Amino acid sequence: MQHVEHVSLSNQVLREIRSAIVLGDLAPGARLTFRDVAQRLKASVTPVREALLQLVAERVLSVGPGRTITVPLLTRAQFLELRVIRVVLEGMAAEAAARQAEPRLADELESIHRQLDEAKMARNARQATIQNRAFHFRLYEAAALPALCGMIENIWLRTGPYHRYIFADPSKHIFDNPSRKRGAQQHAHRRVIAGLRVGRPADVRLAIETDILSGDPIILPQLPEDTPDRVRELERSLPDLEMLSRALSDGKTSSPPQKETGHPKGRPASRRKLLSTAAERRQP
């Protein structure tokens, strides 16, 4: 019984630390000691030590000089590499979810995004971050692919400390900014909802990819340069945000649903052309 209680406490501590990381409560570069974290969580040192060492093993946290545990400071190339992985994995999860989504999913996501809007208007960056995460993972969980969701969760843990930059200053956000001129690009979340309502899985995937990339102009300037050639190589591997936004604005999501079959590798021809053209534009 004591062992069961210990395991339960360790899992609870691990969940709380994961939440603090993914919501940006622990800033990049923050130094974590067993005692300080234990005091913060009102827990004993043993489960905190186990949780932190597990996160080190998962490469969510890093060990520095003197065996100090820290929240990693990502370089630009490291962040872009994780962005590439996010685009692939989250795009896959979004499309899979859209192919089997029940009608109520769009309603649930609309409610979550409404709360996100309210948090942004109130300039509550932490609450906006919570609702943004809730939106994404409610969509991905609908794919019923737990292994895929687990991989996505791990990537979010590694990029989570930087998500707070996106909502820290609403005036810098690329979508749904009241200060931007009329006709500015609609938030990608709304495109996700529209794609679900008309039964277009490819549109849902495209909207999620756009949403992932929309944070780059805000986050990348905060990161240190490392190897310029490596950064340029990673940038070329991503779809062009401007082109993705234009594809979402061309009115396709408002047309009647069509069967998405008969295309090589299951990818609609328009999307293949979009990604290949974006790659060509990024060639030096």
Protein backbone atom coordinates (compact mmCIF):
# COMPACT_ATOMS: atom_id res chain seq x y z
CA MET A 1 0.00 0.00 0.00
CA GLN A 2 2.86 2.33 0.85
CA HIS A 3 4.47 1.61 -2.54
CA VAL A 4 1.20 2.43 -4.34
CA GLU A 5 0.93 5.73 -2.45
CA HIS A 6 4.54 6.58 -3.33
CA VAL A 7 3.96 5.87 -7.02
CA SER A 8 0.79 7.96 -6.97
CA LEU A 9 2.60 10.88 -5.30
CA SER A 10 5.50 10.63 -7.76
CA ASN A 11 3.09 10.72 -10.71
CA GLN A 12 1.29 13.73 -9.26
CA VAL A 13 4.57 15.61 -8.78
CA LEU A 14 5.64 14.68 -12.32
CA ARG A 15 2.34 15.97 -13.75
CA GLU A 16 2.68 19.26 -11.89
CA ILE A 17 6.24 19.81 -13.08
CA ARG A 18 5.26 18.93 -16.65
CA SER A 19 2.41 21.43 -16.46
CA ALA A 20 4.71 24.16 -15.14
CA ILE A 21 7.11 23.55 -18.03
CA VAL A 22 4.58 23.36 -20.86
CA LEU A 23 2.75 26.49 -19.64
CA GLY A 24 5.97 28.48 -19.41
CA ASP A 25 5.87 28.88 -15.62
CA LEU A 26 9.50 27.76 -15.66
CA ALA A 27 11.47 30.12 -17.87
CA PRO A 28 14.18 28.98 -20.30
CA GLY A 29 17.45 28.74 -18.40
CA ALA A 30 15.76 28.42 -15.00
CA ARG A 31 17.82 26.44 -12.50
CA LEU A 32 15.88 23.78 -10.58
CA THR A 33 16.98 22.32 -7.26
CA PHE A 34 15.27 19.40 -5.58
CA ARG A 35 14.65 21.40 -2.42
CA ASP A 36 13.26 24.51 -4.14
CA VAL A 37 10.88 22.52 -6.33
CA ALA A 38 9.78 20.43 -3.34
CA GLN A 39 8.96 23.59 -1.39
CA ARG A 40 7.09 25.06 -4.32
CA LEU A 41 4.97 21.92 -4.75
CA LYS A 42 4.67 21.28 -1.00
CA ALA A 43 6.06 17.80 -1.55
CA SER A 44 8.94 15.77 -0.18
CA VAL A 45 12.31 15.77 -1.94
CA THR A 46 12.23 12.10 -3.01
CA PRO A 47 9.34 12.24 -5.55
CA VAL A 48 10.65 15.58 -6.82
CA ARG A 49 14.09 14.08 -7.43
CA GLU A 50 12.55 11.13 -9.27
CA ALA A 51 10.40 13.41 -11.43
CA LEU A 52 13.23 15.78 -12.36
CA LEU A 53 15.60 12.93 -13.22
CA GLN A 54 12.91 11.33 -15.39
CA LEU A 55 12.49 14.62 -17.28
CA VAL A 56 16.26 14.78 -17.73
CA ALA A 57 16.16 11.26 -19.21
CA GLU A 58 13.40 12.44 -21.58
CA ARG A 59 15.61 15.41 -22.60
CA VAL A 60 12.96 17.84 -21.38
CA LEU A 61 15.41 19.17 -18.77
CA SER A 62 19.20 19.27 -18.98
CA VAL A 63 22.07 18.79 -16.55
CA GLY A 64 24.68 21.54 -16.44
CA PRO A 65 27.97 22.16 -14.61
CA GLY A 66 27.94 20.92 -11.03
CA ARG A 67 25.06 18.56 -11.91
CA THR A 68 22.59 21.44 -11.81
CA ILE A 69 19.27 20.74 -13.53
CA THR A 70 17.98 23.51 -15.79
CA VAL A 71 15.24 24.28 -18.28
CA PRO A 72 17.19 24.16 -21.58
CA LEU A 73 17.99 27.33 -23.48
CA LEU A 74 17.26 26.39 -27.08
CA THR A 75 19.23 27.81 -29.95
CA ARG A 76 17.47 28.88 -33.11
CA ALA A 77 18.43 25.68 -34.94
CA GLN A 78 17.26 23.49 -32.06
CA PHE A 79 13.92 25.27 -31.92
CA LEU A 80 13.43 25.03 -35.69
CA GLU A 81 14.19 21.31 -35.60
CA LEU A 82 11.42 20.84 -33.04
CA ARG A 83 9.16 23.00 -35.22
CA VAL A 84 9.74 20.67 -38.18
CA ILE A 85 8.77 17.70 -36.01
CA ARG A 86 5.68 19.53 -34.71
CA VAL A 87 4.47 20.32 -38.21
CA VAL A 88 4.73 16.67 -39.23
CA LEU A 89 3.31 15.03 -36.10
CA GLU A 90 0.60 17.56 -35.28
CA GLY A 91 -0.47 17.83 -38.89
CA MET A 92 -0.84 14.05 -38.98
CA ALA A 93 -2.84 14.01 -35.73
CA ALA A 94 -5.09 16.87 -36.84
CA GLU A 95 -5.94 15.22 -40.15
CA ALA A 96 -6.56 11.84 -38.49
CA ALA A 97 -8.86 13.49 -35.96
CA ALA A 98 -10.79 15.30 -38.69
CA ARG A 99 -11.40 12.07 -40.60
CA GLN A 100 -13.32 10.53 -37.70
CA ALA A 101 -14.51 13.58 -35.76
CA GLU A 102 -17.99 13.72 -34.31
CA PRO A 103 -19.94 16.97 -34.90
CA ARG A 104 -19.59 17.99 -31.26
CA LEU A 105 -15.80 18.28 -31.60
CA ALA A 106 -16.12 21.52 -33.59
CA ASP A 107 -18.46 22.91 -30.93
CA GLU A 108 -16.03 22.00 -28.14
CA LEU A 109 -13.10 23.59 -29.96
CA GLU A 110 -15.13 26.71 -30.65
CA SER A 111 -15.84 27.04 -26.92
CA ILE A 112 -12.16 26.61 -26.05
CA HIS A 113 -11.08 29.16 -28.64
CA ARG A 114 -13.64 31.62 -27.32
CA GLN A 115 -12.00 31.32 -23.89
CA LEU A 116 -8.62 31.84 -25.54
CA ASP A 117 -9.89 35.06 -27.12
CA GLU A 118 -11.20 36.26 -23.76
CA ALA A 119 -7.85 35.56 -22.10
CA LYS A 120 -6.00 37.47 -24.82
CA MET A 121 -8.35 40.43 -24.52
CA ALA A 122 -7.75 40.42 -20.75
CA ARG A 123 -3.99 40.19 -21.43
CA ASN A 124 -3.84 37.04 -19.32
CA ALA A 125 -0.93 35.30 -21.02
CA ARG A 126 -0.96 32.25 -18.75
CA GLN A 127 -4.67 31.58 -19.24
CA ALA A 128 -4.28 32.09 -22.99
CA THR A 129 -1.48 29.52 -22.98
CA ILE A 130 -3.69 27.07 -21.07
CA GLN A 131 -6.56 27.45 -23.54
CA ASN A 132 -4.25 27.24 -26.55
CA ARG A 133 -2.88 23.94 -25.30
CA ALA A 134 -6.39 22.70 -24.51
CA PHE A 135 -7.47 23.45 -28.09
CA HIS A 136 -4.61 21.56 -29.68
CA PHE A 137 -4.75 18.49 -27.48
CA ARG A 138 -8.53 18.19 -27.59
CA LEU A 139 -8.15 17.99 -31.37
CA TYR A 140 -5.24 15.52 -31.27
CA GLU A 141 -6.92 13.26 -28.70
CA ALA A 142 -9.84 12.89 -31.12
CA ALA A 143 -7.45 11.04 -33.46
CA ALA A 144 -7.41 8.16 -30.92
CA LEU A 145 -3.67 7.63 -31.51
CA PRO A 146 -2.15 7.64 -28.00
CA ALA A 147 1.43 6.93 -29.09
CA LEU A 148 1.32 9.87 -31.50
CA CYS A 149 -0.17 12.13 -28.81
CA GLY A 150 2.61 11.06 -26.44
CA MET A 151 5.28 12.13 -28.93
CA ILE A 152 3.53 15.47 -29.46
CA GLU A 153 3.32 16.00 -25.69
CA ASN A 154 7.09 15.46 -25.38
CA ILE A 155 7.81 18.06 -28.06
CA TRP A 156 5.47 20.55 -26.36
CA LEU A 157 7.40 20.03 -23.12
CA ARG A 158 10.61 21.00 -24.89
CA THR A 159 9.13 24.09 -26.56
CA GLY A 160 6.63 25.03 -23.84
CA PRO A 161 8.87 27.53 -22.03
CA TYR A 162 8.88 29.61 -25.23
CA HIS A 163 5.11 29.56 -25.85
CA ARG A 164 4.62 32.33 -23.34
CA TYR A 165 6.30 34.78 -25.71
CA ILE A 166 3.40 34.34 -28.14
CA PHE A 167 0.78 35.60 -25.72
CA ALA A 168 2.90 37.99 -23.66
CA ASP A 169 2.13 40.84 -26.09
CA PRO A 170 -1.15 40.34 -28.03
CA SER A 171 -0.25 43.19 -30.39
CA LYS A 172 2.49 41.01 -31.90
CA HIS A 173 0.29 38.01 -32.61
CA ILE A 174 -0.16 37.40 -36.31
CA PHE A 175 -3.83 36.38 -36.07
CA ASP A 176 -6.94 37.97 -34.53
CA ASN A 177 -5.16 41.12 -33.45
CA PRO A 178 -7.72 43.93 -32.97
CA SER A 179 -5.08 46.55 -33.78
CA ARG A 180 -4.40 45.07 -37.22
CA LYS A 181 -6.16 46.50 -40.23
CA ARG A 182 -9.52 45.13 -41.21
CA GLY A 183 -9.37 41.98 -43.31
CA ALA A 184 -6.30 40.61 -41.56
CA GLN A 185 -5.84 36.82 -41.63
CA GLN A 186 -8.32 34.88 -39.53
CA HIS A 187 -6.92 32.83 -36.66
CA ALA A 188 -5.91 29.35 -37.77
CA HIS A 189 -7.98 27.84 -34.95
CA ARG A 190 -11.10 29.15 -36.65
CA ARG A 191 -9.95 27.51 -39.88
CA VAL A 192 -9.61 24.24 -38.00
CA ILE A 193 -13.20 24.55 -36.79
CA ALA A 194 -14.43 25.46 -40.28
CA GLY A 195 -12.61 22.49 -41.80
CA LEU A 196 -14.20 20.14 -39.27
CA ARG A 197 -17.67 21.51 -39.96
CA VAL A 198 -17.45 21.00 -43.73
CA GLY A 199 -15.58 17.68 -43.55
CA ARG A 200 -12.22 18.70 -45.03
CA PRO A 201 -9.40 16.89 -43.14
CA ALA A 202 -6.70 18.40 -45.39
CA ASP A 203 -7.87 21.92 -44.51
CA VAL A 204 -7.71 21.06 -40.81
CA ARG A 205 -4.15 19.81 -41.24
CA LEU A 206 -3.14 22.91 -43.19
CA ALA A 207 -4.64 25.19 -40.55
CA ILE A 208 -2.74 23.46 -37.74
CA GLU A 209 0.53 23.69 -39.69
CA THR A 210 -0.08 27.40 -40.19
CA ASP A 211 -0.84 27.86 -36.50
CA ILE A 212 2.41 26.15 -35.50
CA LEU A 213 4.47 28.34 -37.81
CA SER A 214 2.70 31.56 -36.85
CA GLY A 215 4.68 31.79 -33.62
CA ASP A 216 8.08 31.84 -35.34
CA PRO A 217 8.25 35.62 -35.99
CA ILE A 218 7.67 36.18 -32.26
CA ILE A 219 9.83 33.42 -30.79
CA LEU A 220 12.84 33.20 -33.12
CA PRO A 221 14.16 36.73 -32.39
CA GLN A 222 14.35 35.71 -28.70
CA LEU A 223 16.70 32.80 -29.46
CA PRO A 224 20.49 32.86 -29.87
CA GLU A 225 22.00 32.20 -33.28
CA ASP A 226 24.15 29.11 -33.54
CA THR A 227 25.16 27.66 -36.91
CA PRO A 228 23.75 29.91 -39.67
CA ASP A 229 23.92 27.18 -42.35
CA ARG A 230 22.00 24.78 -40.12
CA VAL A 231 19.33 27.40 -39.40
CA ARG A 232 18.86 28.14 -43.11
CA GLU A 233 18.62 24.41 -43.86
CA LEU A 234 15.88 23.97 -41.25
CA GLU A 235 14.02 27.07 -42.42
CA ARG A 236 13.94 25.68 -45.96
CA SER A 237 12.44 22.42 -44.68
CA LEU A 238 9.35 24.24 -43.38
CA PRO A 239 6.40 25.34 -45.52
CA ASP A 240 6.25 29.06 -46.19
CA LEU A 241 3.91 30.73 -43.67
CA GLU A 242 2.79 33.38 -46.13
CA MET A 243 1.84 30.76 -48.70
CA LEU A 244 0.04 28.63 -46.12
CA SER A 245 -1.96 31.65 -44.99
CA ARG A 246 -2.84 32.50 -48.59
CA ALA A 247 -4.01 28.91 -49.16
CA LEU A 248 -6.27 29.17 -46.14
CA SER A 249 -7.65 32.49 -47.39
CA ASP A 250 -8.58 31.32 -50.87
CA GLY A 251 -12.10 30.31 -49.81
CA LYS A 252 -11.67 26.56 -50.15
CA THR A 253 -12.89 25.83 -46.63
CA SER A 254 -16.26 27.40 -47.39
CA SER A 255 -17.02 25.15 -50.34
CA PRO A 256 -18.94 21.84 -50.05
CA PRO A 257 -16.94 18.84 -48.82
CA GLN A 258 -15.41 16.59 -51.46
CA LYS A 259 -13.87 13.15 -51.30
CA GLU A 260 -10.11 13.41 -50.82
CA THR A 261 -9.05 10.31 -52.71
CA GLY A 262 -7.06 9.49 -55.81
CA HIS A 263 -4.02 11.60 -54.95
CA PRO A 264 -0.56 10.08 -54.60
CA LYS A 265 0.37 9.27 -50.99
CA GLY A 266 -3.00 10.51 -49.82
CA ARG A 267 -2.05 14.17 -50.08
CA PRO A 268 -4.29 16.51 -52.11
CA ALA A 269 -2.59 17.84 -55.23
CA SER A 270 -3.07 21.47 -54.16
CA ARG A 271 -1.24 20.83 -50.89
CA ARG A 272 1.60 18.94 -52.61
CA LYS A 273 2.06 21.86 -54.98
CA LEU A 274 1.95 24.33 -52.10
CA LEU A 275 4.66 22.57 -50.10
CA SER A 276 6.91 21.93 -53.09
CA THR A 277 6.63 25.55 -54.21
CA ALA A 278 7.43 26.73 -50.69
CA ALA A 279 10.54 24.54 -50.65
CA GLU A 280 11.69 25.96 -53.99
CA ARG A 281 11.22 29.52 -52.73
CA ARG A 282 13.51 28.76 -49.79
CA GLN A 283 16.40 27.59 -51.97
CA PRO A 284 19.39 29.97 -51.76
